[in-house]
Structure formats: C-alpha cells, structure tokens
C-alpha cells in the first residue's frame, strides 16, 4: 500500500525538479545577460519567418502515420492469408515498416512545406 504512494511522490518530485531546474537556470542566464548589457529583445520568441504553422505539420505527420499503419494492416493480412506468412511476423513487421515510411514521408513533406513558406 505504501509503495504506490512513494513511487507516485518520486515521479511527481522528479517532474517538479526538472521544471524547477529549467526555469531557475533560464532565469539566471537571463539575469546574467541583462547584467552584461545584452538587448532584452533576444528573450522574446517572435514568429520565425519561413516556418509552417505547428498545426499543419502535426496534422500532416499524423495523417501520414495513420495512413501508413492502415496500409500496413492491409498488407500484413494479405501476406498472412495469401502468402502463408505467420501473423506474428507479418503484422508487427509491416506496421513498423509502413509507419516509419509514413513518418519519413511526413518529414520530407514538412521540409518542402517550410521551403514554400519562405
């Protein structure tokens, strides 16, 4: 009973520690730059020119990933029923292969989309 509470506390403590270190270090770096006379405009993250919106990239990659998985399931069933391949090999192999191909296609199209935004 007590083990679950300890594990949960450790997980939340680790998450808190990572965020605390990130924000405190960022604050110290900014204060050091300001003390040296750096321009404060470097802290403002403006919209970078030449990049596609995040939602377009996310939808494109998610769509290609899901299409790759769908094609993989179709191919795996074809391999297992028509070519006599074992299902334990056909389904995971083709799913990983086609999901990777879909993500690679998404990466390629994202680069092309970002070049068009220039």
N, C-alpha and C. Protein backbone atom coordinates (compact mmCIF):
# COMPACT_ATOMS: atom_id res chain seq x y z
N UNK A 1 0.83 -1.19 0.00
CA UNK A 1 0.00 0.00 0.00
C UNK A 1 0.87 1.25 0.00
N UNK A 2 1.94 1.24 0.79
CA UNK A 2 2.79 2.42 0.89
C UNK A 2 3.70 2.58 -0.31
N UNK A 3 3.96 1.49 -1.05
CA UNK A 3 4.85 1.54 -2.21
C UNK A 3 4.31 2.42 -3.32
N UNK A 4 2.99 2.36 -3.55
CA UNK A 4 2.39 3.17 -4.61
C UNK A 4 2.52 4.65 -4.31
N UNK A 5 2.36 4.99 -3.03
CA UNK A 5 2.44 6.41 -2.65
C UNK A 5 3.86 6.92 -2.81
N UNK A 6 4.82 6.10 -2.45
CA UNK A 6 6.22 6.50 -2.57
C UNK A 6 6.61 6.67 -4.04
N UNK A 7 6.19 5.72 -4.88
CA UNK A 7 6.51 5.80 -6.30
C UNK A 7 5.86 7.03 -6.93
N UNK A 8 4.61 7.31 -6.59
CA UNK A 8 3.92 8.48 -7.13
C UNK A 8 4.62 9.76 -6.67
N UNK A 9 5.02 9.82 -5.40
CA UNK A 9 5.71 11.00 -4.89
C UNK A 9 7.06 11.20 -5.59
N UNK A 10 7.77 10.12 -5.85
CA UNK A 10 9.06 10.21 -6.53
C UNK A 10 8.88 10.70 -7.96
N UNK A 11 7.86 10.20 -8.65
CA UNK A 11 7.62 10.63 -10.03
C UNK A 11 7.27 12.11 -10.07
N UNK A 12 6.35 12.55 -9.22
CA UNK A 12 5.99 13.97 -9.21
C UNK A 12 7.16 14.84 -8.75
N UNK A 13 7.96 14.34 -7.82
CA UNK A 13 9.14 15.08 -7.39
C UNK A 13 10.16 15.24 -8.51
N UNK A 14 10.33 14.19 -9.30
CA UNK A 14 11.27 14.27 -10.42
C UNK A 14 10.78 15.25 -11.47
N UNK A 15 9.48 15.23 -11.76
CA UNK A 15 8.93 16.18 -12.73
C UNK A 15 9.08 17.60 -12.22
N UNK A 16 8.78 17.82 -10.95
CA UNK A 16 8.94 19.15 -10.36
C UNK A 16 10.40 19.58 -10.41
N UNK A 17 11.32 18.67 -10.11
CA UNK A 17 12.74 19.01 -10.12
C UNK A 17 13.23 19.42 -11.50
N UNK A 18 12.78 18.72 -12.53
CA UNK A 18 13.19 19.06 -13.88
C UNK A 18 12.69 20.45 -14.25
N UNK A 19 11.42 20.73 -13.98
CA UNK A 19 10.88 22.04 -14.31
C UNK A 19 11.55 23.14 -13.48
N UNK A 20 11.80 22.87 -12.21
CA UNK A 20 12.45 23.86 -11.35
C UNK A 20 13.85 24.19 -11.87
N UNK A 21 14.62 23.16 -12.21
CA UNK A 21 15.96 23.40 -12.74
C UNK A 21 15.91 24.16 -14.06
N UNK A 22 14.97 23.83 -14.92
CA UNK A 22 14.86 24.50 -16.21
C UNK A 22 14.57 25.98 -16.03
N UNK A 23 13.55 26.30 -15.22
CA UNK A 23 13.16 27.70 -15.07
C UNK A 23 14.16 28.50 -14.25
N UNK A 24 14.76 27.90 -13.23
CA UNK A 24 15.73 28.65 -12.45
C UNK A 24 17.00 28.92 -13.25
N UNK A 25 17.44 27.94 -14.04
CA UNK A 25 18.62 28.14 -14.87
C UNK A 25 18.36 29.18 -15.95
N UNK A 26 17.19 29.13 -16.54
CA UNK A 26 16.84 30.12 -17.56
C UNK A 26 16.81 31.52 -16.97
N UNK A 27 16.28 31.64 -15.77
CA UNK A 27 16.23 32.94 -15.12
C UNK A 27 17.63 33.46 -14.82
N UNK A 28 18.52 32.60 -14.33
CA UNK A 28 19.89 33.01 -14.03
C UNK A 28 20.63 33.43 -15.29
N UNK A 29 20.41 32.69 -16.39
CA UNK A 29 21.06 33.06 -17.65
C UNK A 29 20.58 34.41 -18.14
N UNK A 30 19.31 34.66 -18.03
CA UNK A 30 18.76 35.94 -18.47
C UNK A 30 19.27 37.09 -17.61
N UNK A 31 19.33 36.87 -16.31
CA UNK A 31 19.85 37.92 -15.43
C UNK A 31 21.31 38.22 -15.74
N UNK A 32 22.08 37.18 -16.03
CA UNK A 32 23.50 37.40 -16.36
C UNK A 32 23.64 38.17 -17.67
N UNK A 33 22.81 37.87 -18.65
CA UNK A 33 22.87 38.60 -19.92
C UNK A 33 22.45 40.05 -19.74
N UNK A 34 21.45 40.29 -18.91
CA UNK A 34 21.00 41.65 -18.68
C UNK A 34 22.08 42.44 -17.94
N UNK A 35 22.76 41.82 -16.99
CA UNK A 35 23.83 42.50 -16.27
C UNK A 35 24.99 42.87 -17.19
N UNK A 36 25.22 42.07 -18.22
CA UNK A 36 26.29 42.37 -19.17
C UNK A 36 25.84 43.38 -20.22
N UNK A 37 24.58 43.76 -20.20
CA UNK A 37 24.10 44.78 -21.12
C UNK A 37 23.54 44.25 -22.42
N UNK A 38 23.14 43.00 -22.47
CA UNK A 38 22.56 42.43 -23.69
C UNK A 38 21.17 43.01 -23.92
N UNK A 39 20.77 43.05 -25.16
CA UNK A 39 19.46 43.58 -25.52
C UNK A 39 18.37 42.61 -25.06
N UNK A 40 17.30 43.15 -24.49
CA UNK A 40 16.23 42.31 -23.95
C UNK A 40 15.38 41.68 -25.05
N UNK A 41 15.53 42.12 -26.28
CA UNK A 41 14.71 41.57 -27.37
C UNK A 41 15.08 40.12 -27.70
N UNK A 42 16.21 39.65 -27.23
CA UNK A 42 16.59 38.26 -27.52
C UNK A 42 15.75 37.28 -26.74
N UNK A 43 15.05 37.75 -25.70
CA UNK A 43 14.22 36.86 -24.90
C UNK A 43 12.84 36.66 -25.47
N UNK A 44 12.44 37.53 -26.37
CA UNK A 44 11.10 37.43 -26.96
C UNK A 44 11.18 36.49 -28.15
N UNK A 45 10.40 35.43 -28.08
CA UNK A 45 10.37 34.49 -29.18
C UNK A 45 9.34 34.96 -30.19
N UNK A 46 9.81 35.63 -31.19
CA UNK A 46 8.91 36.06 -32.25
C UNK A 46 8.64 34.93 -33.21
N UNK A 47 7.67 35.12 -34.06
CA UNK A 47 7.36 34.10 -35.05
C UNK A 47 8.48 34.07 -36.08
N UNK A 48 9.08 32.92 -36.22
CA UNK A 48 10.16 32.79 -37.18
C UNK A 48 9.58 32.86 -38.58
N UNK A 49 10.24 33.59 -39.41
CA UNK A 49 9.77 33.66 -40.79
C UNK A 49 10.22 32.40 -41.52
N UNK A 50 9.39 31.94 -42.40
CA UNK A 50 9.74 30.78 -43.20
C UNK A 50 9.38 29.45 -42.57
N UNK A 51 8.59 29.43 -41.53
CA UNK A 51 8.18 28.16 -40.95
C UNK A 51 6.68 28.00 -41.08
N UNK A 52 6.27 26.79 -41.30
CA UNK A 52 4.85 26.49 -41.41
C UNK A 52 4.25 26.46 -40.01
N UNK A 53 2.96 26.72 -39.88
CA UNK A 53 2.33 26.64 -38.56
C UNK A 53 2.42 25.23 -37.98
N UNK A 54 2.49 25.16 -36.67
CA UNK A 54 2.67 23.87 -35.98
C UNK A 54 1.53 22.92 -36.28
N UNK A 55 0.30 23.43 -36.33
CA UNK A 55 -0.84 22.55 -36.53
C UNK A 55 -0.81 21.90 -37.91
N UNK A 56 -0.29 22.59 -38.92
CA UNK A 56 -0.20 21.98 -40.25
C UNK A 56 0.79 20.82 -40.25
N UNK A 57 1.91 21.02 -39.60
CA UNK A 57 2.92 19.98 -39.55
C UNK A 57 2.41 18.78 -38.76
N UNK A 58 1.75 19.04 -37.64
CA UNK A 58 1.22 17.96 -36.81
C UNK A 58 0.17 17.14 -37.56
N UNK A 59 -0.75 17.81 -38.21
CA UNK A 59 -1.81 17.10 -38.93
C UNK A 59 -1.23 16.31 -40.11
N UNK A 60 -0.28 16.90 -40.80
CA UNK A 60 0.35 16.21 -41.93
C UNK A 60 1.05 14.94 -41.47
N UNK A 61 1.86 15.04 -40.42
CA UNK A 61 2.59 13.87 -39.94
C UNK A 61 1.66 12.82 -39.34
N UNK A 62 0.65 13.25 -38.61
CA UNK A 62 -0.30 12.31 -38.03
C UNK A 62 -1.10 11.59 -39.11
N UNK A 63 -1.51 12.32 -40.13
CA UNK A 63 -2.26 11.70 -41.23
C UNK A 63 -1.42 10.67 -41.96
N UNK A 64 -0.18 11.02 -42.25
CA UNK A 64 0.68 10.06 -42.96
C UNK A 64 1.03 8.86 -42.09
N UNK A 65 1.18 9.06 -40.79
CA UNK A 65 1.44 7.94 -39.89
C UNK A 65 0.25 6.98 -39.87
N UNK A 66 -0.95 7.52 -39.72
CA UNK A 66 -2.13 6.67 -39.68
C UNK A 66 -2.40 5.99 -41.02
N UNK A 67 -2.14 6.67 -42.12
CA UNK A 67 -2.28 6.04 -43.42
C UNK A 67 -1.27 4.90 -43.58
N UNK A 68 -0.06 5.11 -43.10
CA UNK A 68 0.96 4.06 -43.16
C UNK A 68 0.56 2.84 -42.34
N UNK A 69 -0.01 3.07 -41.16
CA UNK A 69 -0.46 1.95 -40.33
C UNK A 69 -1.62 1.21 -40.99
N UNK A 70 -2.54 1.96 -41.59
CA UNK A 70 -3.67 1.32 -42.28
C UNK A 70 -3.22 0.48 -43.45
N UNK A 71 -2.31 1.01 -44.25
CA UNK A 71 -1.78 0.24 -45.37
C UNK A 71 -1.02 -0.98 -44.86
N UNK A 72 -0.32 -0.82 -43.74
CA UNK A 72 0.45 -1.94 -43.18
C UNK A 72 -0.46 -3.07 -42.72
N UNK A 73 -1.58 -2.75 -42.10
CA UNK A 73 -2.51 -3.79 -41.67
C UNK A 73 -3.08 -4.53 -42.88
N UNK A 74 -3.39 -3.78 -43.92
CA UNK A 74 -3.89 -4.40 -45.15
C UNK A 74 -2.83 -5.32 -45.76
N UNK A 75 -1.60 -4.84 -45.86
CA UNK A 75 -0.53 -5.66 -46.43
C UNK A 75 -0.23 -6.88 -45.56
N UNK A 76 -0.26 -6.71 -44.25
CA UNK A 76 0.02 -7.83 -43.35
C UNK A 76 -1.04 -8.91 -43.49
N UNK A 77 -2.30 -8.51 -43.60
CA UNK A 77 -3.34 -9.53 -43.79
C UNK A 77 -3.18 -10.22 -45.14
N UNK A 78 -2.77 -9.47 -46.15
CA UNK A 78 -2.51 -10.07 -47.46
C UNK A 78 -1.36 -11.06 -47.37
N UNK A 79 -0.28 -10.67 -46.69
CA UNK A 79 0.87 -11.57 -46.54
C UNK A 79 0.51 -12.83 -45.77
N UNK A 80 -0.27 -12.68 -44.72
CA UNK A 80 -0.54 -13.84 -43.87
C UNK A 80 -1.56 -14.79 -44.50
N UNK A 81 -2.56 -14.27 -45.17
CA UNK A 81 -3.61 -15.15 -45.70
C UNK A 81 -3.30 -15.67 -47.10
N UNK A 82 -2.68 -14.86 -47.93
CA UNK A 82 -2.44 -15.30 -49.30
C UNK A 82 -1.05 -15.89 -49.50
N UNK A 83 -0.06 -15.39 -48.80
CA UNK A 83 1.30 -15.88 -48.99
C UNK A 83 1.73 -16.86 -47.91
N UNK A 84 0.88 -17.09 -46.91
CA UNK A 84 1.18 -18.07 -45.88
C UNK A 84 2.19 -17.61 -44.84
N UNK A 85 2.40 -16.33 -44.73
CA UNK A 85 3.34 -15.82 -43.73
C UNK A 85 2.70 -15.90 -42.35
N UNK A 86 3.50 -16.13 -41.31
CA UNK A 86 2.95 -16.19 -39.96
C UNK A 86 2.47 -14.81 -39.53
N UNK A 87 1.31 -14.75 -38.86
CA UNK A 87 0.75 -13.47 -38.43
C UNK A 87 1.64 -12.77 -37.41
N UNK A 88 2.34 -13.53 -36.56
CA UNK A 88 3.21 -12.94 -35.54
C UNK A 88 4.36 -12.17 -36.16
N UNK A 89 4.71 -12.50 -37.38
CA UNK A 89 5.79 -11.82 -38.08
C UNK A 89 5.24 -10.75 -39.00
N UNK A 90 4.16 -11.07 -39.70
CA UNK A 90 3.64 -10.18 -40.74
C UNK A 90 3.11 -8.87 -40.16
N UNK A 91 2.31 -8.93 -39.12
CA UNK A 91 1.67 -7.71 -38.62
C UNK A 91 2.64 -6.73 -37.99
N UNK A 92 3.47 -7.13 -37.02
CA UNK A 92 4.38 -6.12 -36.45
C UNK A 92 5.41 -5.62 -37.46
N UNK A 93 5.91 -6.51 -38.30
CA UNK A 93 6.92 -6.10 -39.27
C UNK A 93 6.40 -5.07 -40.25
N UNK A 94 5.26 -5.32 -40.84
CA UNK A 94 4.74 -4.37 -41.82
C UNK A 94 4.22 -3.10 -41.16
N UNK A 95 3.69 -3.20 -39.95
CA UNK A 95 3.21 -1.99 -39.28
C UNK A 95 4.38 -1.06 -38.98
N UNK A 96 5.47 -1.58 -38.43
CA UNK A 96 6.62 -0.74 -38.15
C UNK A 96 7.25 -0.20 -39.42
N UNK A 97 7.33 -1.02 -40.44
CA UNK A 97 7.92 -0.59 -41.70
C UNK A 97 7.11 0.54 -42.34
N UNK A 98 5.82 0.36 -42.44
CA UNK A 98 4.98 1.36 -43.10
C UNK A 98 4.79 2.61 -42.23
N UNK A 99 4.78 2.45 -40.91
CA UNK A 99 4.70 3.62 -40.04
C UNK A 99 5.97 4.46 -40.19
N UNK A 100 7.10 3.81 -40.27
CA UNK A 100 8.36 4.52 -40.50
C UNK A 100 8.38 5.20 -41.85
N UNK A 101 7.86 4.53 -42.86
CA UNK A 101 7.80 5.14 -44.19
C UNK A 101 6.87 6.35 -44.18
N UNK A 102 5.75 6.26 -43.46
CA UNK A 102 4.84 7.39 -43.36
C UNK A 102 5.46 8.55 -42.63
N UNK A 103 6.20 8.30 -41.56
CA UNK A 103 6.88 9.38 -40.84
C UNK A 103 7.99 9.99 -41.68
N UNK A 104 8.69 9.19 -42.46
CA UNK A 104 9.71 9.73 -43.34
C UNK A 104 9.09 10.60 -44.43
N UNK A 105 7.97 10.15 -44.97
CA UNK A 105 7.27 10.96 -45.97
C UNK A 105 6.78 12.26 -45.33
N UNK A 106 6.31 12.20 -44.10
CA UNK A 106 5.88 13.41 -43.40
C UNK A 106 7.03 14.36 -43.18
N UNK A 107 8.19 13.84 -42.83
CA UNK A 107 9.38 14.68 -42.65
C UNK A 107 9.75 15.36 -43.96
N UNK A 108 9.73 14.60 -45.05
CA UNK A 108 10.08 15.16 -46.35
C UNK A 108 9.08 16.23 -46.78
N UNK A 109 7.79 15.95 -46.60
CA UNK A 109 6.78 16.94 -46.97
C UNK A 109 6.82 18.16 -46.06
N UNK A 110 7.18 17.98 -44.81
CA UNK A 110 7.30 19.12 -43.90
C UNK A 110 8.42 20.04 -44.34
N UNK A 111 9.55 19.46 -44.72
CA UNK A 111 10.65 20.29 -45.23
C UNK A 111 10.23 21.05 -46.48
N UNK A 112 9.49 20.38 -47.35
CA UNK A 112 9.01 21.02 -48.57
C UNK A 112 8.02 22.13 -48.24
N UNK A 113 7.15 21.90 -47.26
CA UNK A 113 6.16 22.89 -46.83
C UNK A 113 6.84 24.11 -46.22
N UNK A 114 7.91 23.90 -45.46
CA UNK A 114 8.63 25.02 -44.85
C UNK A 114 9.38 25.82 -45.90
N UNK A 115 9.87 25.17 -46.95
CA UNK A 115 10.55 25.89 -48.03
C UNK A 115 9.55 26.74 -48.81
N UNK A 116 8.31 26.26 -48.97
CA UNK A 116 7.29 27.02 -49.68
C UNK A 116 6.88 28.28 -48.91
N UNK A 117 6.97 28.22 -47.57
CA UNK A 117 6.56 29.35 -46.74
C UNK A 117 7.54 30.50 -46.83
N UNK A 118 8.77 30.24 -47.32
CA UNK A 118 9.79 31.32 -47.41
C UNK A 118 9.36 32.42 -48.31
